[in-house]
């Protein structure tokens, strides 16, 4: 079980971090204003569904889109509805974003991109430990099954 969780964690961290690294390396910086977000209620606690931004691209096109890879753990102290972020909060305008040069409708908050890259390094050890424990558990299970199989067979030397 740990092997599966470890593999999933490593894969997820890698995908997110690689995506974020692409944004940091090739993304075009812009400033989004206005910013709104949609709040939902899950198990009674509000959560962030999406963050909508509007910004001007480098060629002065007005772009309105939802951000990719938002920080879903952002605390939202309000009811379910579309809202404007409070000043000083993670997504408060003016919000620094990065968008893909060939697709300005694909954008990420610069802080989220940096956090995803940082998390890869921060949690990689944990994910590797889960993977290691899983592999060790799997090896122990195989050894146990082989011993049980050998124990259940009659010994031809004792005949």
N, C-alpha and C. Protein backbone atom coordinates (compact mmCIF):
# COMPACT_ATOMS: atom_id res chain seq x y z
N UNK A 1 0.83 -1.19 0.00
CA UNK A 1 0.00 0.00 0.00
C UNK A 1 0.88 1.26 0.00
N UNK A 2 1.94 1.22 0.85
CA UNK A 2 2.84 2.38 0.88
C UNK A 2 3.51 2.59 -0.46
N UNK A 3 3.78 1.49 -1.17
CA UNK A 3 4.42 1.61 -2.47
C UNK A 3 3.54 2.39 -3.43
N UNK A 4 2.24 2.07 -3.42
CA UNK A 4 1.31 2.77 -4.31
C UNK A 4 1.23 4.25 -3.92
N UNK A 5 1.05 4.52 -2.62
CA UNK A 5 0.97 5.91 -2.17
C UNK A 5 2.26 6.68 -2.46
N UNK A 6 3.38 6.03 -2.24
CA UNK A 6 4.67 6.67 -2.52
C UNK A 6 4.83 6.98 -3.99
N UNK A 7 4.46 6.02 -4.84
CA UNK A 7 4.57 6.23 -6.28
C UNK A 7 3.64 7.35 -6.75
N UNK A 8 2.41 7.35 -6.21
CA UNK A 8 1.47 8.42 -6.57
C UNK A 8 2.00 9.77 -6.11
N UNK A 9 2.51 9.82 -4.89
CA UNK A 9 3.03 11.09 -4.35
C UNK A 9 4.20 11.61 -5.18
N UNK A 10 5.12 10.72 -5.51
CA UNK A 10 6.29 11.13 -6.30
C UNK A 10 5.84 11.62 -7.68
N UNK A 11 4.92 10.90 -8.30
CA UNK A 11 4.42 11.27 -9.62
C UNK A 11 3.71 12.62 -9.56
N UNK A 12 2.83 12.79 -8.59
CA UNK A 12 2.08 14.04 -8.47
C UNK A 12 3.01 15.23 -8.21
N UNK A 13 3.94 15.06 -7.29
CA UNK A 13 4.90 16.13 -7.00
C UNK A 13 5.71 16.49 -8.24
N UNK A 14 6.11 15.48 -8.98
CA UNK A 14 6.93 15.71 -10.17
C UNK A 14 6.13 16.43 -11.25
N UNK A 15 4.91 15.99 -11.51
CA UNK A 15 4.07 16.63 -12.53
C UNK A 15 3.82 18.09 -12.18
N UNK A 16 3.40 18.32 -10.95
CA UNK A 16 3.12 19.70 -10.53
C UNK A 16 4.37 20.57 -10.61
N UNK A 17 5.47 20.05 -10.11
CA UNK A 17 6.69 20.84 -10.11
C UNK A 17 7.21 21.09 -11.52
N UNK A 18 7.12 20.10 -12.39
CA UNK A 18 7.56 20.28 -13.78
C UNK A 18 6.71 21.33 -14.49
N UNK A 19 5.39 21.28 -14.25
CA UNK A 19 4.49 22.27 -14.83
C UNK A 19 4.85 23.66 -14.33
N UNK A 20 5.04 23.78 -13.02
CA UNK A 20 5.39 25.07 -12.42
C UNK A 20 6.74 25.56 -12.93
N UNK A 21 7.69 24.64 -13.07
CA UNK A 21 9.01 25.03 -13.57
C UNK A 21 8.92 25.55 -14.99
N UNK A 22 8.06 24.95 -15.81
CA UNK A 22 7.84 25.43 -17.17
C UNK A 22 7.29 26.86 -17.15
N UNK A 23 6.33 27.11 -16.27
CA UNK A 23 5.78 28.47 -16.15
C UNK A 23 6.87 29.45 -15.71
N UNK A 24 7.69 29.07 -14.73
CA UNK A 24 8.74 29.96 -14.24
C UNK A 24 9.80 30.21 -15.31
N UNK A 25 10.09 29.20 -16.12
CA UNK A 25 11.14 29.32 -17.14
C UNK A 25 10.66 30.06 -18.39
N UNK A 26 9.44 29.74 -18.85
CA UNK A 26 9.00 30.28 -20.13
C UNK A 26 7.78 31.19 -20.05
N UNK A 27 7.16 31.24 -18.87
CA UNK A 27 5.94 32.03 -18.72
C UNK A 27 6.18 33.52 -18.89
N UNK A 28 5.18 34.19 -19.39
CA UNK A 28 5.24 35.64 -19.58
C UNK A 28 4.62 36.29 -18.35
N UNK A 29 5.37 37.17 -17.68
CA UNK A 29 4.81 37.81 -16.49
C UNK A 29 3.74 38.84 -16.85
N UNK A 30 2.74 38.93 -15.99
CA UNK A 30 1.66 39.91 -16.14
C UNK A 30 1.11 40.20 -14.75
N UNK A 31 0.31 41.23 -14.67
CA UNK A 31 -0.34 41.58 -13.42
C UNK A 31 -1.85 41.50 -13.64
N UNK A 32 -2.51 40.70 -12.82
CA UNK A 32 -3.96 40.51 -12.93
C UNK A 32 -4.68 41.46 -11.99
N UNK A 33 -5.64 42.15 -12.55
CA UNK A 33 -6.51 43.03 -11.78
C UNK A 33 -7.70 43.35 -12.66
N UNK A 34 -8.86 42.87 -12.40
CA UNK A 34 -9.34 42.33 -11.14
C UNK A 34 -9.09 40.83 -10.99
N UNK A 35 -9.27 40.35 -9.75
CA UNK A 35 -9.18 38.94 -9.40
C UNK A 35 -10.45 38.60 -8.62
N UNK A 36 -11.08 37.51 -8.98
CA UNK A 36 -12.22 37.01 -8.20
C UNK A 36 -12.04 35.52 -7.99
N UNK A 37 -12.65 35.01 -6.96
CA UNK A 37 -12.61 33.56 -6.78
C UNK A 37 -13.98 33.04 -6.41
N UNK A 38 -14.13 31.75 -6.69
CA UNK A 38 -15.38 31.07 -6.43
C UNK A 38 -15.17 30.17 -5.23
N UNK A 39 -16.00 30.32 -4.22
CA UNK A 39 -15.89 29.55 -2.99
C UNK A 39 -16.98 28.49 -2.98
N UNK A 40 -16.61 27.28 -2.59
CA UNK A 40 -17.57 26.20 -2.44
C UNK A 40 -17.58 25.71 -1.01
N UNK A 41 -18.57 24.94 -0.68
CA UNK A 41 -18.65 24.36 0.67
C UNK A 41 -18.45 22.86 0.56
N UNK A 42 -17.46 22.37 1.28
CA UNK A 42 -17.18 20.94 1.29
C UNK A 42 -17.11 20.47 2.72
N UNK A 43 -17.98 19.56 3.10
CA UNK A 43 -18.05 19.05 4.47
C UNK A 43 -18.18 20.20 5.46
N UNK A 44 -18.89 21.24 5.06
CA UNK A 44 -19.14 22.37 5.94
C UNK A 44 -18.07 23.44 5.92
N UNK A 45 -16.87 23.13 5.44
CA UNK A 45 -15.80 24.12 5.41
C UNK A 45 -15.68 24.71 4.01
N UNK A 46 -15.57 26.03 3.92
CA UNK A 46 -15.42 26.63 2.60
C UNK A 46 -14.07 26.26 1.97
N UNK A 47 -14.06 26.15 0.65
CA UNK A 47 -12.82 25.87 -0.08
C UNK A 47 -12.81 26.67 -1.37
N UNK A 48 -11.64 26.82 -1.93
CA UNK A 48 -11.45 27.60 -3.14
C UNK A 48 -11.70 26.72 -4.36
N UNK A 49 -12.72 27.06 -5.14
CA UNK A 49 -13.03 26.29 -6.36
C UNK A 49 -12.16 26.74 -7.53
N UNK A 50 -12.11 28.03 -7.76
CA UNK A 50 -11.28 28.56 -8.85
C UNK A 50 -10.97 30.03 -8.58
N UNK A 51 -9.95 30.49 -9.27
CA UNK A 51 -9.54 31.89 -9.21
C UNK A 51 -9.59 32.44 -10.62
N UNK A 52 -10.44 33.42 -10.86
CA UNK A 52 -10.58 34.06 -12.16
C UNK A 52 -9.76 35.35 -12.18
N UNK A 53 -9.01 35.54 -13.25
CA UNK A 53 -8.19 36.74 -13.37
C UNK A 53 -8.44 37.42 -14.71
N UNK A 54 -8.15 38.70 -14.74
CA UNK A 54 -8.20 39.46 -15.99
C UNK A 54 -6.90 40.25 -16.07
N UNK A 55 -6.25 40.18 -17.24
CA UNK A 55 -4.97 40.86 -17.41
C UNK A 55 -4.76 41.20 -18.87
N UNK A 56 -3.78 42.02 -19.13
CA UNK A 56 -3.39 42.36 -20.50
C UNK A 56 -2.16 41.54 -20.87
N UNK A 57 -2.23 40.88 -22.02
CA UNK A 57 -1.08 40.12 -22.50
C UNK A 57 -0.04 41.09 -23.06
N UNK A 58 1.11 40.56 -23.42
CA UNK A 58 2.19 41.39 -23.95
C UNK A 58 1.76 42.14 -25.21
N UNK A 59 0.84 41.55 -25.99
CA UNK A 59 0.36 42.22 -27.21
C UNK A 59 -0.92 43.04 -26.94
N UNK A 60 -1.16 43.31 -25.65
CA UNK A 60 -2.27 44.17 -25.18
C UNK A 60 -3.66 43.58 -25.36
N UNK A 61 -3.75 42.27 -25.55
CA UNK A 61 -5.05 41.61 -25.57
C UNK A 61 -5.58 41.54 -24.13
N UNK A 62 -6.86 41.73 -23.98
CA UNK A 62 -7.47 41.56 -22.66
C UNK A 62 -7.83 40.09 -22.50
N UNK A 63 -7.26 39.45 -21.50
CA UNK A 63 -7.44 38.02 -21.27
C UNK A 63 -8.18 37.82 -19.95
N UNK A 64 -9.19 36.98 -19.98
CA UNK A 64 -9.87 36.58 -18.76
C UNK A 64 -9.84 35.06 -18.71
N UNK A 65 -9.35 34.50 -17.59
CA UNK A 65 -9.19 33.06 -17.49
C UNK A 65 -9.15 32.64 -16.03
N UNK A 66 -9.28 31.34 -15.81
CA UNK A 66 -9.10 30.76 -14.48
C UNK A 66 -7.65 30.34 -14.34
N UNK A 67 -7.08 30.55 -13.17
CA UNK A 67 -5.70 30.15 -12.93
C UNK A 67 -5.58 28.64 -12.85
N UNK A 68 -4.43 28.13 -13.31
CA UNK A 68 -4.11 26.72 -13.19
C UNK A 68 -3.42 26.48 -11.85
N UNK A 69 -3.58 25.30 -11.31
CA UNK A 69 -2.86 24.87 -10.10
C UNK A 69 -3.00 25.87 -8.94
N UNK A 70 -4.22 26.20 -8.60
CA UNK A 70 -4.42 27.11 -7.48
C UNK A 70 -4.12 26.40 -6.16
N UNK A 71 -3.85 27.18 -5.14
CA UNK A 71 -3.58 26.64 -3.81
C UNK A 71 -4.93 26.37 -3.14
N UNK A 72 -5.41 25.15 -3.27
CA UNK A 72 -6.73 24.80 -2.75
C UNK A 72 -6.80 24.85 -1.23
N UNK A 73 -5.64 24.90 -0.56
CA UNK A 73 -5.62 24.97 0.90
C UNK A 73 -5.73 26.40 1.42
N UNK A 74 -5.87 27.35 0.52
CA UNK A 74 -6.01 28.74 0.95
C UNK A 74 -7.24 28.88 1.84
N UNK A 75 -7.08 29.38 3.07
CA UNK A 75 -8.24 29.54 3.93
C UNK A 75 -9.22 30.58 3.38
N UNK A 76 -10.48 30.22 3.36
CA UNK A 76 -11.53 31.10 2.85
C UNK A 76 -12.55 31.29 3.98
N UNK A 77 -12.58 32.44 4.59
CA UNK A 77 -13.46 32.62 5.75
C UNK A 77 -14.86 33.13 5.41
N UNK A 78 -15.36 32.83 4.22
CA UNK A 78 -16.66 33.37 3.82
C UNK A 78 -17.59 32.31 3.28
N UNK A 79 -18.78 32.74 2.93
CA UNK A 79 -19.78 31.83 2.39
C UNK A 79 -19.52 31.50 0.93
N UNK A 80 -20.29 30.54 0.44
CA UNK A 80 -20.18 30.10 -0.95
C UNK A 80 -20.69 31.20 -1.89
N UNK A 81 -19.83 31.65 -2.75
CA UNK A 81 -20.18 32.65 -3.76
C UNK A 81 -18.92 33.10 -4.49
N UNK A 82 -19.11 33.91 -5.53
CA UNK A 82 -17.96 34.52 -6.21
C UNK A 82 -17.58 35.75 -5.40
N UNK A 83 -16.28 35.91 -5.11
CA UNK A 83 -15.81 36.97 -4.23
C UNK A 83 -14.54 37.61 -4.75
N UNK A 84 -14.25 38.76 -4.18
CA UNK A 84 -12.97 39.44 -4.44
C UNK A 84 -12.07 39.15 -3.25
N UNK A 85 -10.82 38.77 -3.49
CA UNK A 85 -9.92 38.48 -2.37
C UNK A 85 -9.70 39.72 -1.49
N UNK A 86 -9.58 39.50 -0.21
CA UNK A 86 -9.27 40.59 0.71
C UNK A 86 -7.85 41.09 0.46
N UNK A 87 -7.61 42.38 0.68
CA UNK A 87 -6.25 42.92 0.53
C UNK A 87 -5.27 42.15 1.43
N UNK A 88 -4.09 41.90 0.89
CA UNK A 88 -3.05 41.23 1.65
C UNK A 88 -3.13 39.71 1.64
N UNK A 89 -4.16 39.14 1.01
CA UNK A 89 -4.28 37.69 0.95
C UNK A 89 -3.56 37.15 -0.29
N UNK A 90 -3.45 35.86 -0.38
CA UNK A 90 -2.66 35.20 -1.43
C UNK A 90 -3.02 35.66 -2.84
N UNK A 91 -4.29 35.82 -3.14
CA UNK A 91 -4.70 36.16 -4.50
C UNK A 91 -5.19 37.61 -4.64
N UNK A 92 -4.85 38.44 -3.69
CA UNK A 92 -5.30 39.83 -3.74
C UNK A 92 -4.67 40.55 -4.94
N UNK A 93 -5.46 41.36 -5.64
CA UNK A 93 -4.91 42.14 -6.74
C UNK A 93 -4.12 43.33 -6.20
N UNK A 94 -3.15 43.79 -6.90
CA UNK A 94 -2.66 43.29 -8.19
C UNK A 94 -1.87 41.99 -7.99
N UNK A 95 -2.26 40.96 -8.70
CA UNK A 95 -1.69 39.63 -8.56
C UNK A 95 -0.69 39.36 -9.68
N UNK A 96 0.52 38.99 -9.28
CA UNK A 96 1.56 38.65 -10.26
C UNK A 96 1.30 37.24 -10.77
N UNK A 97 1.17 37.13 -12.08
CA UNK A 97 0.90 35.83 -12.71
C UNK A 97 1.92 35.58 -13.81
N UNK A 98 1.91 34.36 -14.30
CA UNK A 98 2.69 33.96 -15.47
C UNK A 98 1.73 33.24 -16.41
N UNK A 99 1.81 33.57 -17.70
CA UNK A 99 0.97 32.86 -18.67
C UNK A 99 1.86 32.28 -19.75
N UNK A 100 1.35 31.25 -20.42
CA UNK A 100 2.12 30.61 -21.48
C UNK A 100 2.13 31.49 -22.72
N UNK A 101 3.28 31.67 -23.35
CA UNK A 101 3.37 32.56 -24.50
C UNK A 101 2.48 32.13 -25.67
N UNK A 102 2.30 30.82 -25.85
CA UNK A 102 1.48 30.35 -26.97
C UNK A 102 0.01 30.16 -26.58
N UNK A 103 -0.31 30.34 -25.29
CA UNK A 103 -1.69 30.20 -24.82
C UNK A 103 -1.91 31.09 -23.59
N UNK A 104 -2.21 32.36 -23.80
CA UNK A 104 -2.36 33.28 -22.67
C UNK A 104 -3.50 32.91 -21.72
N UNK A 105 -4.40 32.02 -22.15
CA UNK A 105 -5.49 31.61 -21.27
C UNK A 105 -5.05 30.55 -20.26
N UNK A 106 -3.81 30.11 -20.36
CA UNK A 106 -3.23 29.19 -19.38
C UNK A 106 -2.26 29.98 -18.53
N UNK A 107 -2.67 30.23 -17.29
CA UNK A 107 -1.90 31.09 -16.40
C UNK A 107 -1.85 30.51 -14.99
N UNK A 108 -0.86 30.96 -14.24
CA UNK A 108 -0.68 30.52 -12.85
C UNK A 108 -0.21 31.72 -12.04
N UNK A 109 -0.59 31.77 -10.78
CA UNK A 109 -0.04 32.80 -9.90
C UNK A 109 1.44 32.50 -9.72
N UNK A 110 2.27 33.53 -9.82
CA UNK A 110 3.71 33.33 -9.70
C UNK A 110 4.06 32.67 -8.36
N UNK A 111 3.39 33.09 -7.29
CA UNK A 111 3.65 32.50 -5.96
C UNK A 111 3.29 31.02 -5.93
N UNK A 112 2.25 30.62 -6.64
CA UNK A 112 1.87 29.20 -6.68
C UNK A 112 2.90 28.39 -7.45
N UNK A 113 3.39 28.94 -8.54
CA UNK A 113 4.43 28.24 -9.33
C UNK A 113 5.67 28.01 -8.47
N UNK A 114 6.08 29.04 -7.75
CA UNK A 114 7.27 28.91 -6.91
C UNK A 114 7.03 27.91 -5.78
N UNK A 115 5.83 27.93 -5.20
CA UNK A 115 5.51 27.00 -4.11
C UNK A 115 5.52 25.56 -4.61
N UNK A 116 4.99 25.30 -5.80
CA UNK A 116 4.97 23.94 -6.33
C UNK A 116 6.39 23.41 -6.53
N UNK A 117 7.29 24.26 -7.02
CA UNK A 117 8.68 23.84 -7.20
C UNK A 117 9.32 23.59 -5.84
N UNK A 118 9.08 24.48 -4.88
CA UNK A 118 9.64 24.30 -3.54
C UNK A 118 9.10 23.03 -2.87
N UNK A 119 7.82 22.73 -3.07
CA UNK A 119 7.21 21.55 -2.46
C UNK A 119 7.81 20.26 -3.00
N UNK A 120 8.21 20.26 -4.26
CA UNK A 120 8.84 19.07 -4.83
C UNK A 120 10.06 18.71 -4.01
N UNK A 121 10.88 19.69 -3.72
CA UNK A 121 12.09 19.45 -2.95
C UNK A 121 11.77 19.14 -1.49
N UNK A 122 10.78 19.83 -0.95
CA UNK A 122 10.41 19.67 0.46
C UNK A 122 9.85 18.28 0.74
N UNK A 123 8.98 17.78 -0.13
CA UNK A 123 8.29 16.52 0.12
C UNK A 123 8.87 15.33 -0.62
N UNK A 124 9.89 15.54 -1.41
CA UNK A 124 10.47 14.43 -2.16
C UNK A 124 11.00 13.36 -1.22
N UNK A 125 11.63 13.77 -0.12
CA UNK A 125 12.15 12.81 0.85
C UNK A 125 11.04 11.98 1.47
N UNK A 126 9.93 12.63 1.81
CA UNK A 126 8.79 11.92 2.38
C UNK A 126 8.25 10.91 1.39
N UNK A 127 8.08 11.32 0.17
CA UNK A 127 7.54 10.43 -0.85
C UNK A 127 8.50 9.26 -1.10
N UNK A 128 9.79 9.52 -1.11
CA UNK A 128 10.77 8.46 -1.30
C UNK A 128 10.76 7.49 -0.12
N UNK A 129 10.57 8.01 1.10
CA UNK A 129 10.49 7.15 2.27
C UNK A 129 9.28 6.23 2.18
N UNK A 130 8.13 6.76 1.75
CA UNK A 130 6.93 5.92 1.56
C UNK A 130 7.19 4.84 0.53
N UNK A 131 7.86 5.22 -0.54
CA UNK A 131 8.18 4.26 -1.59
C UNK A 131 9.12 3.18 -1.04
N UNK A 132 10.12 3.59 -0.26
CA UNK A 132 11.07 2.65 0.34
C UNK A 132 10.41 1.69 1.30
N UNK A 133 9.54 2.21 2.18
CA UNK A 133 8.81 1.35 3.11
C UNK A 133 7.92 0.39 2.35
N UNK A 134 7.30 0.87 1.30
CA UNK A 134 6.44 0.00 0.50
C UNK A 134 7.22 -1.12 -0.16
N UNK A 135 8.36 -0.81 -0.70
CA UNK A 135 9.19 -1.84 -1.36
C UNK A 135 9.68 -2.85 -0.33
N UNK A 136 10.11 -2.36 0.84
CA UNK A 136 10.56 -3.27 1.90
C UNK A 136 9.41 -4.16 2.36
N UNK A 137 8.21 -3.61 2.49
CA UNK A 137 7.04 -4.40 2.89
C UNK A 137 6.71 -5.45 1.84
N UNK A 138 6.79 -5.06 0.59
CA UNK A 138 6.52 -6.00 -0.50
C UNK A 138 7.55 -7.13 -0.50
N UNK A 139 8.81 -6.80 -0.28
CA UNK A 139 9.86 -7.82 -0.22
C UNK A 139 9.61 -8.78 0.95
N UNK A 140 9.24 -8.24 2.10
CA UNK A 140 8.96 -9.08 3.26
C UNK A 140 7.77 -10.00 2.99
N UNK A 141 6.76 -9.49 2.31
CA UNK A 141 5.60 -10.30 1.97
C UNK A 141 5.99 -11.44 1.03
N UNK A 142 6.80 -11.16 0.04
CA UNK A 142 7.24 -12.20 -0.90
C UNK A 142 8.03 -13.27 -0.15
N UNK A 143 8.93 -12.87 0.73
CA UNK A 143 9.72 -13.83 1.51
C UNK A 143 8.81 -14.70 2.37
N UNK A 144 7.82 -14.07 3.01
CA UNK A 144 6.87 -14.80 3.85
C UNK A 144 6.08 -15.81 3.04
N UNK A 145 5.60 -15.40 1.86
CA UNK A 145 4.83 -16.30 1.01
C UNK A 145 5.67 -17.47 0.50
N UNK A 146 6.91 -17.21 0.16
CA UNK A 146 7.81 -18.28 -0.31
C UNK A 146 8.05 -19.26 0.83
N UNK A 147 8.28 -18.77 2.04
CA UNK A 147 8.51 -19.66 3.19
C UNK A 147 7.25 -20.49 3.48
N UNK A 148 6.07 -19.88 3.42
CA UNK A 148 4.83 -20.62 3.65
C UNK A 148 4.64 -21.70 2.60
N UNK A 149 4.96 -21.36 1.35
CA UNK A 149 4.82 -22.33 0.27
C UNK A 149 5.76 -23.51 0.49
N UNK A 150 6.98 -23.23 0.87
CA UNK A 150 7.97 -24.30 1.11
C UNK A 150 7.56 -25.15 2.32
N UNK A 151 7.03 -24.51 3.33
CA UNK A 151 6.61 -25.23 4.53
C UNK A 151 5.43 -26.15 4.29
N UNK A 152 4.58 -25.78 3.33
CA UNK A 152 3.39 -26.58 3.05
C UNK A 152 3.68 -27.77 2.14
N UNK A 153 4.81 -27.80 1.50
CA UNK A 153 5.18 -28.90 0.61
C UNK A 153 5.87 -30.00 1.43
N UNK A 154 5.58 -31.25 1.09
CA UNK A 154 6.29 -32.34 1.81
C UNK A 154 7.77 -32.35 1.41
N UNK A 155 8.61 -32.68 2.37
CA UNK A 155 10.05 -32.73 2.13
C UNK A 155 10.39 -34.09 1.52
N UNK A 156 10.89 -34.08 0.26
CA UNK A 156 11.19 -35.37 -0.40
C UNK A 156 12.31 -36.14 0.29
N UNK A 157 13.17 -35.52 1.06
CA UNK A 157 14.28 -36.19 1.73
C UNK A 157 13.80 -37.02 2.93
N UNK A 158 12.62 -36.69 3.45
CA UNK A 158 12.11 -37.40 4.62
C UNK A 158 11.31 -38.63 4.24
N UNK A 159 11.14 -38.94 3.01
CA UNK A 159 10.37 -40.12 2.57
C UNK A 159 11.18 -41.35 2.63
